[in-house]
Amino acid sequence: MAKVLTRPSTSRRAQRVTTVRRSPPPAQAESRVAEAVAVARYVADMTAQLEAMALTAHLDLLAYFLAMAKGESEALARAQFHEESAAERTLRA
């Protein structure tokens, strides 16, 4: 969670000075990556089913966009999975 530090101002509004971001604990970060992979895989599965429905109904442009969404979610799932695997290897070393 980001904290926003403010300082008193002569105007009625406080002015934003800086934002401090802290990285989450390793376990929490791993959990977020695992959740992102699961969501990306779910989206890929759902868009594949919707694409098949669109093709059956001869909605070619819609099927094309759904195929693009499926490909993007599969790529994200692979990238996140490899990122998670790399992080696990780093923690073990």
Protein backbone atom coordinates (compact mmCIF):
# COMPACT_ATOMS: atom_id res chain seq x y z
CA MET A 1 0.00 0.00 0.00
CA ALA A 2 1.37 3.41 -0.90
CA LYS A 3 1.56 6.18 1.64
CA VAL A 4 1.16 9.72 0.47
CA LEU A 5 3.13 12.19 2.50
CA THR A 6 1.78 15.72 2.62
CA ARG A 7 2.97 18.97 4.05
CA PRO A 8 0.99 21.90 5.41
CA SER A 9 0.20 24.51 2.83
CA THR A 10 -0.88 28.12 2.86
CA SER A 11 -3.79 27.17 0.66
CA ARG A 12 -6.65 25.07 1.90
CA ARG A 13 -5.47 22.03 -0.02
CA ALA A 14 -2.47 19.97 1.04
CA GLN A 15 0.24 19.54 -1.55
CA ARG A 16 1.49 16.10 -2.47
CA VAL A 17 5.18 15.80 -1.65
CA THR A 18 6.11 12.26 -2.53
CA THR A 19 4.73 8.77 -2.70
CA VAL A 20 6.51 6.03 -0.81
CA ARG A 21 6.00 2.55 -2.21
CA ARG A 22 7.13 -0.50 -0.38
CA SER A 23 7.54 -3.83 -2.09
CA PRO A 24 5.30 -6.55 -0.67
CA PRO A 25 6.80 -9.37 1.38
CA PRO A 26 8.12 -12.24 -0.79
CA ALA A 27 5.25 -14.60 0.13
CA GLN A 28 2.67 -11.96 -0.73
CA ALA A 29 4.43 -11.17 -4.03
CA GLU A 30 4.46 -14.87 -4.96
CA SER A 31 0.77 -15.08 -4.13
CA ARG A 32 0.03 -12.12 -6.41
CA VAL A 33 1.98 -13.67 -9.28
CA ALA A 34 0.21 -17.02 -8.82
CA GLU A 35 -3.14 -15.24 -8.82
CA ALA A 36 -2.23 -13.30 -11.97
CA VAL A 37 -1.28 -16.55 -13.74
CA ALA A 38 -4.55 -18.19 -12.69
CA VAL A 39 -6.62 -15.24 -13.89
CA ALA A 40 -4.76 -15.07 -17.22
CA ARG A 41 -5.33 -18.80 -17.78
CA TYR A 42 -9.01 -18.45 -16.90
CA VAL A 43 -9.41 -15.55 -19.33
CA ALA A 44 -7.67 -17.59 -22.05
CA ASP A 45 -10.04 -20.50 -21.47
CA MET A 46 -13.15 -18.30 -21.46
CA THR A 47 -12.13 -16.37 -24.58
CA ALA A 48 -11.42 -19.66 -26.39
CA GLN A 49 -14.97 -20.79 -25.65
CA LEU A 50 -16.42 -17.45 -26.69
CA GLU A 51 -14.34 -17.50 -29.87
CA ALA A 52 -15.78 -20.91 -30.77
CA MET A 53 -19.30 -19.58 -30.19
CA ALA A 54 -18.62 -16.51 -32.33
CA LEU A 55 -17.26 -18.67 -35.16
CA THR A 56 -20.32 -20.92 -35.00
CA ALA A 57 -22.55 -17.84 -35.30
CA HIS A 58 -20.43 -16.51 -38.22
CA LEU A 59 -19.34 -13.48 -36.21
CA ASP A 60 -15.90 -13.43 -37.77
CA LEU A 61 -14.71 -10.04 -36.55
CA LEU A 62 -15.78 -10.80 -32.99
CA ALA A 63 -14.07 -14.21 -33.22
CA TYR A 64 -10.91 -12.46 -34.41
CA PHE A 65 -10.89 -10.08 -31.43
CA LEU A 66 -11.56 -12.93 -29.04
CA ALA A 67 -8.67 -14.89 -30.57
CA MET A 68 -6.44 -11.86 -30.03
CA ALA A 69 -7.55 -11.62 -26.38
CA LYS A 70 -6.94 -15.35 -25.94
CA GLY A 71 -3.44 -15.06 -27.38
CA GLU A 72 -2.63 -12.08 -25.18
CA SER A 73 -3.84 -13.78 -22.02
CA GLU A 74 -1.88 -16.95 -22.87
CA ALA A 75 1.25 -14.87 -23.42
CA LEU A 76 0.73 -13.06 -20.11
CA ALA A 77 0.21 -16.37 -18.30
CA ARG A 78 3.45 -17.74 -19.77
CA ALA A 79 5.38 -14.58 -18.93
CA GLN A 80 4.06 -14.45 -15.36
CA PHE A 81 4.72 -18.17 -14.91
CA HIS A 82 8.33 -17.78 -16.07
CA GLU A 83 8.71 -14.75 -13.81
CA GLU A 84 7.37 -16.78 -10.88
CA SER A 85 9.72 -19.67 -11.68
CA ALA A 86 12.70 -17.31 -11.84
CA ALA A 87 11.74 -15.78 -8.49
CA GLU A 88 11.48 -19.23 -6.92
CA ARG A 89 14.91 -20.20 -8.27
CA THR A 90 16.36 -16.99 -6.84
CA LEU A 91 14.86 -17.67 -3.40
CA ARG A 92 16.28 -21.21 -3.37
CA ALA A 93 19.80 -20.07 -4.27
